[in-house]
Amino acid sequence: MKKGLKVFLTAAIVISAVACSTSNNEVKDTKEKVVETKEDTSVPKEYRNALHKAENYSKMMHMSKQRIYDQLTSEYGEKFDAEAAQYAIDNLNVDYNENALKCGENYKKTMHMSKARIYDQLTSENGEKFTAEEAQYAIDNIKGDYLEAALKSAKNYQETMSMSKDAIYDQLVSDYGEKFTAEEAQYAIDNLDD
């Protein structure tokens, strides 16, 4: 059971990292902007290490506060004690609204998700664990419409699952499926290749 859970958690972290990671150029830019500072030796090394890890998770994977804390304390993650992880969270200088936005933009771009699905993924206990306010900020600020995302999702269903247009439409608008609006789903169906 533990091995299965470990595999599941590892897979979830990898999927999330892919969805919410930045391009290599952005990572290089971030690394180039790092300025060496004198370490505060009054803070235990373990706490400083936790803070450094937290900064990396925020910058590279755009994680929420809760996901960073969970990753720092996870027995399958960094294994920091609760006090070191809390120190990191308390001293992390992060705009979680922007992390949610970057994560949401990547879900739209790479997985062609609807607004509702992005919001659900951002706030899910099994997903990104952003607050409702942070997720709403992301939704309100993701650029572009969702017509093309609906079309790409529809094409994926058509090509990989050989679904009919009616079945694709149902999947696109379903509360258990993609959660696109009726307008977005109809646009997708109208623009599918026959």
C-alpha atoms as a PDB file:
ATOM      1  CA  MET A   1       0.000   0.000   0.000  1.00  0.00           C
ATOM      2  CA  LYS A   2       2.792   2.435   0.917  1.00  0.00           C
ATOM      3  CA  LYS A   3       4.590   1.753  -2.360  1.00  0.00           C
ATOM      4  CA  GLY A   4       1.411   2.417  -4.346  1.00  0.00           C
ATOM      5  CA  LEU A   5       0.826   5.652  -2.455  1.00  0.00           C
ATOM      6  CA  LYS A   6       4.424   6.703  -3.048  1.00  0.00           C
ATOM      7  CA  VAL A   7       4.091   6.019  -6.789  1.00  0.00           C
ATOM      8  CA  PHE A   8       0.786   7.945  -6.873  1.00  0.00           C
ATOM      9  CA  LEU A   9       2.242  10.937  -5.004  1.00  0.00           C
ATOM     10  CA  THR A  10       5.333  10.973  -7.187  1.00  0.00           C
ATOM     11  CA  ALA A  11       3.177  10.865 -10.337  1.00  0.00           C
ATOM     12  CA  ALA A  12       0.956  13.665  -9.025  1.00  0.00           C
ATOM     13  CA  ILE A  13       3.978  15.843  -8.298  1.00  0.00           C
ATOM     14  CA  VAL A  14       5.445  15.178 -11.754  1.00  0.00           C
ATOM     15  CA  ILE A  15       2.139  15.967 -13.495  1.00  0.00           C
ATOM     16  CA  SER A  16       1.757  19.131 -11.473  1.00  0.00           C
ATOM     17  CA  ALA A  17       5.348  20.121 -12.168  1.00  0.00           C
ATOM     18  CA  VAL A  18       4.821  19.719 -15.895  1.00  0.00           C
ATOM     19  CA  ALA A  19       1.563  21.668 -15.813  1.00  0.00           C
ATOM     20  CA  CYS A  20       2.814  24.476 -13.615  1.00  0.00           C
ATOM     21  CA  SER A  21       6.493  24.718 -14.558  1.00  0.00           C
ATOM     22  CA  THR A  22       8.070  27.519 -16.504  1.00  0.00           C
ATOM     23  CA  SER A  23      10.019  27.251 -19.710  1.00  0.00           C
ATOM     24  CA  ASN A  24      13.748  26.615 -19.576  1.00  0.00           C
ATOM     25  CA  ASN A  25      14.461  30.203 -20.582  1.00  0.00           C
ATOM     26  CA  GLU A  26      12.502  31.533 -17.621  1.00  0.00           C
ATOM     27  CA  VAL A  27      14.353  29.181 -15.273  1.00  0.00           C
ATOM     28  CA  LYS A  28      17.700  30.344 -16.709  1.00  0.00           C
ATOM     29  CA  ASP A  29      16.631  33.955 -16.287  1.00  0.00           C
ATOM     30  CA  THR A  30      15.688  33.270 -12.683  1.00  0.00           C
ATOM     31  CA  LYS A  31      19.036  31.618 -11.990  1.00  0.00           C
ATOM     32  CA  GLU A  32      20.919  34.536 -13.538  1.00  0.00           C
ATOM     33  CA  LYS A  33      19.063  37.013 -11.334  1.00  0.00           C
ATOM     34  CA  VAL A  34      20.055  35.283  -8.082  1.00  0.00           C
ATOM     35  CA  VAL A  35      22.249  37.556  -6.011  1.00  0.00           C
ATOM     36  CA  GLU A  36      24.434  36.115  -3.328  1.00  0.00           C
ATOM     37  CA  THR A  37      23.503  37.315   0.128  1.00  0.00           C
ATOM     38  CA  LYS A  38      25.098  36.753   3.473  1.00  0.00           C
ATOM     39  CA  GLU A  39      23.309  33.962   5.314  1.00  0.00           C
ATOM     40  CA  ASP A  40      21.683  34.738   8.635  1.00  0.00           C
ATOM     41  CA  THR A  41      23.482  32.304  10.922  1.00  0.00           C
ATOM     42  CA  SER A  42      21.130  33.090  13.819  1.00  0.00           C
ATOM     43  CA  VAL A  43      18.554  30.912  12.063  1.00  0.00           C
ATOM     44  CA  PRO A  44      19.185  27.138  12.212  1.00  0.00           C
ATOM     45  CA  LYS A  45      20.622  25.653   9.014  1.00  0.00           C
ATOM     46  CA  GLU A  46      17.657  23.271   8.733  1.00  0.00           C
ATOM     47  CA  TYR A  47      15.259  26.238   8.647  1.00  0.00           C
ATOM     48  CA  ARG A  48      17.361  28.057   6.034  1.00  0.00           C
ATOM     49  CA  ASN A  49      17.443  24.908   3.917  1.00  0.00           C
ATOM     50  CA  ALA A  50      13.665  24.600   4.131  1.00  0.00           C
ATOM     51  CA  LEU A  51      13.298  28.223   3.068  1.00  0.00           C
ATOM     52  CA  HIS A  52      15.649  27.690   0.118  1.00  0.00           C
ATOM     53  CA  LYS A  53      13.652  24.637  -1.017  1.00  0.00           C
ATOM     54  CA  ALA A  54      10.387  26.574  -0.619  1.00  0.00           C
ATOM     55  CA  GLU A  55      11.741  29.411  -2.777  1.00  0.00           C
ATOM     56  CA  ASN A  56      12.663  26.923  -5.498  1.00  0.00           C
ATOM     57  CA  TYR A  57       9.223  25.273  -5.455  1.00  0.00           C
ATOM     58  CA  SER A  58       7.584  28.666  -5.749  1.00  0.00           C
ATOM     59  CA  LYS A  59       9.810  30.003  -8.530  1.00  0.00           C
ATOM     60  CA  MET A  60      10.048  26.880 -10.665  1.00  0.00           C
ATOM     61  CA  MET A  61       6.739  25.115 -10.073  1.00  0.00           C
ATOM     62  CA  HIS A  62       4.496  28.033  -9.010  1.00  0.00           C
ATOM     63  CA  MET A  63       3.135  26.085  -6.040  1.00  0.00           C
ATOM     64  CA  SER A  64       0.541  27.277  -3.549  1.00  0.00           C
ATOM     65  CA  LYS A  65       1.424  27.898   0.069  1.00  0.00           C
ATOM     66  CA  GLN A  66      -0.239  24.640   1.158  1.00  0.00           C
ATOM     67  CA  ARG A  67       1.461  22.545  -1.538  1.00  0.00           C
ATOM     68  CA  ILE A  68       4.856  23.988  -0.650  1.00  0.00           C
ATOM     69  CA  TYR A  69       4.278  23.185   3.023  1.00  0.00           C
ATOM     70  CA  ASP A  70       3.067  19.674   2.159  1.00  0.00           C
ATOM     71  CA  GLN A  71       6.078  19.053  -0.072  1.00  0.00           C
ATOM     72  CA  LEU A  72       8.483  20.284   2.573  1.00  0.00           C
ATOM     73  CA  THR A  73       7.014  18.004   5.255  1.00  0.00           C
ATOM     74  CA  SER A  74       6.163  14.970   3.126  1.00  0.00           C
ATOM     75  CA  GLU A  75       7.881  11.693   3.906  1.00  0.00           C
ATOM     76  CA  TYR A  76       8.083  11.279   0.113  1.00  0.00           C
ATOM     77  CA  GLY A  77       9.292  14.855  -0.363  1.00  0.00           C
ATOM     78  CA  GLU A  78      11.779  16.900   1.609  1.00  0.00           C
ATOM     79  CA  LYS A  79      11.093  15.432   5.087  1.00  0.00           C
ATOM     80  CA  PHE A  80      11.570  18.706   6.981  1.00  0.00           C
ATOM     81  CA  ASP A  81       9.967  18.889  10.406  1.00  0.00           C
ATOM     82  CA  ALA A  82       6.846  21.024  10.824  1.00  0.00           C
ATOM     83  CA  GLU A  83       8.739  23.875  12.511  1.00  0.00           C
ATOM     84  CA  ALA A  84      11.300  24.215   9.713  1.00  0.00           C
ATOM     85  CA  ALA A  85       8.555  24.064   7.086  1.00  0.00           C
ATOM     86  CA  GLN A  86       6.496  26.672   8.905  1.00  0.00           C
ATOM     87  CA  TYR A  87       9.532  28.937   9.168  1.00  0.00           C
ATOM     88  CA  ALA A  88       9.970  28.624   5.398  1.00  0.00           C
ATOM     89  CA  ILE A  89       6.319  29.447   4.733  1.00  0.00           C
ATOM     90  CA  ASP A  90       6.381  32.393   7.139  1.00  0.00           C
ATOM     91  CA  ASN A  91       9.527  33.848   5.540  1.00  0.00           C
ATOM     92  CA  LEU A  92       8.783  33.123   1.889  1.00  0.00           C
ATOM     93  CA  ASN A  93       8.260  36.298  -0.110  1.00  0.00           C
ATOM     94  CA  VAL A  94       5.757  35.094  -2.718  1.00  0.00           C
ATOM     95  CA  ASP A  95       2.769  36.484  -4.575  1.00  0.00           C
ATOM     96  CA  TYR A  96       0.502  33.425  -4.509  1.00  0.00           C
ATOM     97  CA  ASN A  97      -1.970  35.141  -6.839  1.00  0.00           C
ATOM     98  CA  GLU A  98       0.757  35.241  -9.488  1.00  0.00           C
ATOM     99  CA  ASN A  99       1.697  31.613  -8.795  1.00  0.00           C
ATOM    100  CA  ALA A 100      -1.948  30.627  -9.298  1.00  0.00           C
ATOM    101  CA  LEU A 101      -2.090  32.658 -12.506  1.00  0.00           C
ATOM    102  CA  LYS A 102       1.057  31.074 -13.967  1.00  0.00           C
ATOM    103  CA  CYS A 103      -0.170  27.624 -12.996  1.00  0.00           C
ATOM    104  CA  GLY A 104      -3.615  28.286 -14.498  1.00  0.00           C
ATOM    105  CA  GLU A 105      -2.130  29.646 -17.724  1.00  0.00           C
ATOM    106  CA  ASN A 106      -0.081  26.482 -18.099  1.00  0.00           C
ATOM    107  CA  TYR A 107      -3.135  24.263 -17.548  1.00  0.00           C
ATOM    108  CA  LYS A 108      -4.980  26.174 -20.275  1.00  0.00           C
ATOM    109  CA  LYS A 109      -2.039  26.082 -22.674  1.00  0.00           C
ATOM    110  CA  THR A 110      -0.859  22.506 -22.170  1.00  0.00           C
ATOM    111  CA  MET A 111      -4.022  20.647 -21.165  1.00  0.00           C
ATOM    112  CA  HIS A 112      -6.673  22.815 -22.902  1.00  0.00           C
ATOM    113  CA  MET A 113      -8.789  23.125 -19.771  1.00  0.00           C
ATOM    114  CA  SER A 114     -11.941  25.192 -19.362  1.00  0.00           C
ATOM    115  CA  LYS A 115     -12.208  28.010 -16.815  1.00  0.00           C
ATOM    116  CA  ALA A 116     -14.218  25.817 -14.472  1.00  0.00           C
ATOM    117  CA  ARG A 117     -11.763  22.905 -14.679  1.00  0.00           C
ATOM    118  CA  ILE A 118      -8.781  25.200 -14.133  1.00  0.00           C
ATOM    119  CA  TYR A 119     -10.484  26.689 -11.084  1.00  0.00           C
ATOM    120  CA  ASP A 120     -11.287  23.201  -9.759  1.00  0.00           C
ATOM    121  CA  GLN A 121      -7.693  22.037 -10.299  1.00  0.00           C
ATOM    122  CA  LEU A 122      -6.247  25.125  -8.657  1.00  0.00           C
ATOM    123  CA  THR A 123      -8.405  24.758  -5.536  1.00  0.00           C
ATOM    124  CA  SER A 124      -8.562  20.968  -5.289  1.00  0.00           C
ATOM    125  CA  GLU A 125      -7.193  19.176  -2.231  1.00  0.00           C
ATOM    126  CA  ASN A 126      -5.813  16.633  -4.702  1.00  0.00           C
ATOM    127  CA  GLY A 127      -4.554  19.355  -7.026  1.00  0.00           C
ATOM    128  CA  GLU A 128      -2.808  22.653  -6.476  1.00  0.00           C
ATOM    129  CA  LYS A 129      -4.434  23.690  -3.151  1.00  0.00           C
ATOM    130  CA  PHE A 130      -4.641  27.424  -3.872  1.00  0.00           C
ATOM    131  CA  THR A 131      -7.205  29.424  -1.941  1.00  0.00           C
ATOM    132  CA  ALA A 132     -10.494  30.315  -3.639  1.00  0.00           C
ATOM    133  CA  GLU A 133      -9.349  33.939  -3.882  1.00  0.00           C
ATOM    134  CA  GLU A 134      -6.019  33.017  -5.496  1.00  0.00           C
ATOM    135  CA  ALA A 135      -7.728  30.702  -7.985  1.00  0.00           C
ATOM    136  CA  GLN A 136     -10.298  33.377  -8.849  1.00  0.00           C
ATOM    137  CA  TYR A 137      -7.491  35.870  -9.436  1.00  0.00           C
ATOM    138  CA  ALA A 138      -5.976  33.395 -11.895  1.00  0.00           C
ATOM    139  CA  ILE A 139      -9.271  32.836 -13.698  1.00  0.00           C
ATOM    140  CA  ASP A 140      -9.911  36.583 -13.916  1.00  0.00           C
ATOM    141  CA  ASN A 141      -6.473  37.240 -15.397  1.00  0.00           C
ATOM    142  CA  ILE A 142      -5.818  34.349 -17.790  1.00  0.00           C
ATOM    143  CA  LYS A 143      -5.593  35.947 -21.216  1.00  0.00           C
ATOM    144  CA  GLY A 144      -7.583  34.888 -24.255  1.00  0.00           C
ATOM    145  CA  ASP A 145     -10.851  33.086 -24.726  1.00  0.00           C
ATOM    146  CA  TYR A 146     -11.562  29.426 -24.200  1.00  0.00           C
ATOM    147  CA  LEU A 147     -12.942  28.662 -27.666  1.00  0.00           C
ATOM    148  CA  GLU A 148      -9.611  27.331 -28.922  1.00  0.00           C
ATOM    149  CA  ALA A 149      -9.086  25.327 -25.737  1.00  0.00           C
ATOM    150  CA  ALA A 150     -12.497  23.708 -26.261  1.00  0.00           C
ATOM    151  CA  LEU A 151     -11.638  22.969 -29.904  1.00  0.00           C
ATOM    152  CA  LYS A 152      -8.285  21.401 -28.988  1.00  0.00           C
ATOM    153  CA  SER A 153      -9.962  19.308 -26.319  1.00  0.00           C
ATOM    154  CA  ALA A 154     -12.644  18.206 -28.803  1.00  0.00           C
ATOM    155  CA  LYS A 155     -10.020  17.269 -31.401  1.00  0.00           C
ATOM    156  CA  ASN A 156      -8.222  15.210 -28.794  1.00  0.00           C
ATOM    157  CA  TYR A 157     -11.413  13.272 -28.024  1.00  0.00           C
ATOM    158  CA  GLN A 158     -12.081  12.796 -31.747  1.00  0.00           C
ATOM    159  CA  GLU A 159      -8.556  11.591 -32.547  1.00  0.00           C
ATOM    160  CA  THR A 160      -7.743   9.483 -29.496  1.00  0.00           C
ATOM    161  CA  MET A 161     -11.145   8.104 -28.539  1.00  0.00           C
ATOM    162  CA  SER A 162     -13.001   8.075 -31.885  1.00  0.00           C
ATOM    163  CA  MET A 163     -16.019   9.744 -30.276  1.00  0.00           C
ATOM    164  CA  SER A 164     -19.033  11.083 -32.171  1.00  0.00           C
ATOM    165  CA  LYS A 165     -19.672  14.825 -32.259  1.00  0.00           C
ATOM    166  CA  ASP A 166     -22.668  14.413 -29.946  1.00  0.00           C
ATOM    167  CA  ALA A 167     -20.610  12.450 -27.423  1.00  0.00           C
ATOM    168  CA  ILE A 168     -17.787  14.995 -27.627  1.00  0.00           C
ATOM    169  CA  TYR A 169     -20.228  17.851 -27.029  1.00  0.00           C
ATOM    170  CA  ASP A 170     -21.650  16.057 -23.990  1.00  0.00           C
ATOM    171  CA  GLN A 171     -18.154  15.490 -22.622  1.00  0.00           C
ATOM    172  CA  LEU A 172     -17.171  19.110 -23.192  1.00  0.00           C
ATOM    173  CA  VAL A 173     -20.141  20.534 -21.249  1.00  0.00           C
ATOM    174  CA  SER A 174     -20.445  17.830 -18.588  1.00  0.00           C
ATOM    175  CA  ASP A 175     -19.925  18.739 -14.933  1.00  0.00           C
ATOM    176  CA  TYR A 176     -18.035  15.435 -14.713  1.00  0.00           C
ATOM    177  CA  GLY A 177     -16.068  16.186 -17.868  1.00  0.00           C
ATOM    178  CA  GLU A 178     -14.504  19.319 -19.257  1.00  0.00           C
ATOM    179  CA  LYS A 179     -16.992  21.938 -17.965  1.00  0.00           C
ATOM    180  CA  PHE A 180     -16.846  24.204 -21.012  1.00  0.00           C
ATOM    181  CA  THR A 181     -19.753  26.552 -21.626  1.00  0.00           C
ATOM    182  CA  ALA A 182     -22.372  25.575 -24.223  1.00  0.00           C
ATOM    183  CA  GLU A 183     -21.038  28.307 -26.519  1.00  0.00           C
ATOM    184  CA  GLU A 184     -17.453  27.053 -26.234  1.00  0.00           C
ATOM    185  CA  ALA A 185     -18.501  23.449 -26.815  1.00  0.00           C
ATOM    186  CA  GLN A 186     -20.630  24.370 -29.838  1.00  0.00           C
ATOM    187  CA  TYR A 187     -17.741  26.338 -31.332  1.00  0.00           C
ATOM    188  CA  ALA A 188     -15.560  23.244 -30.936  1.00  0.00           C
ATOM    189  CA  ILE A 189     -18.121  20.965 -32.568  1.00  0.00           C
ATOM    190  CA  ASP A 190     -18.707  23.419 -35.440  1.00  0.00           C
ATOM    191  CA  ASN A 191     -14.986  23.560 -36.160  1.00  0.00           C
ATOM    192  CA  LEU A 192     -14.119  19.858 -35.902  1.00  0.00           C
ATOM    193  CA  ASP A 193     -12.882  18.281 -39.103  1.00  0.00           C
ATOM    194  CA  ASP A 194     -15.248  15.699 -40.514  1.00  0.00           C
END
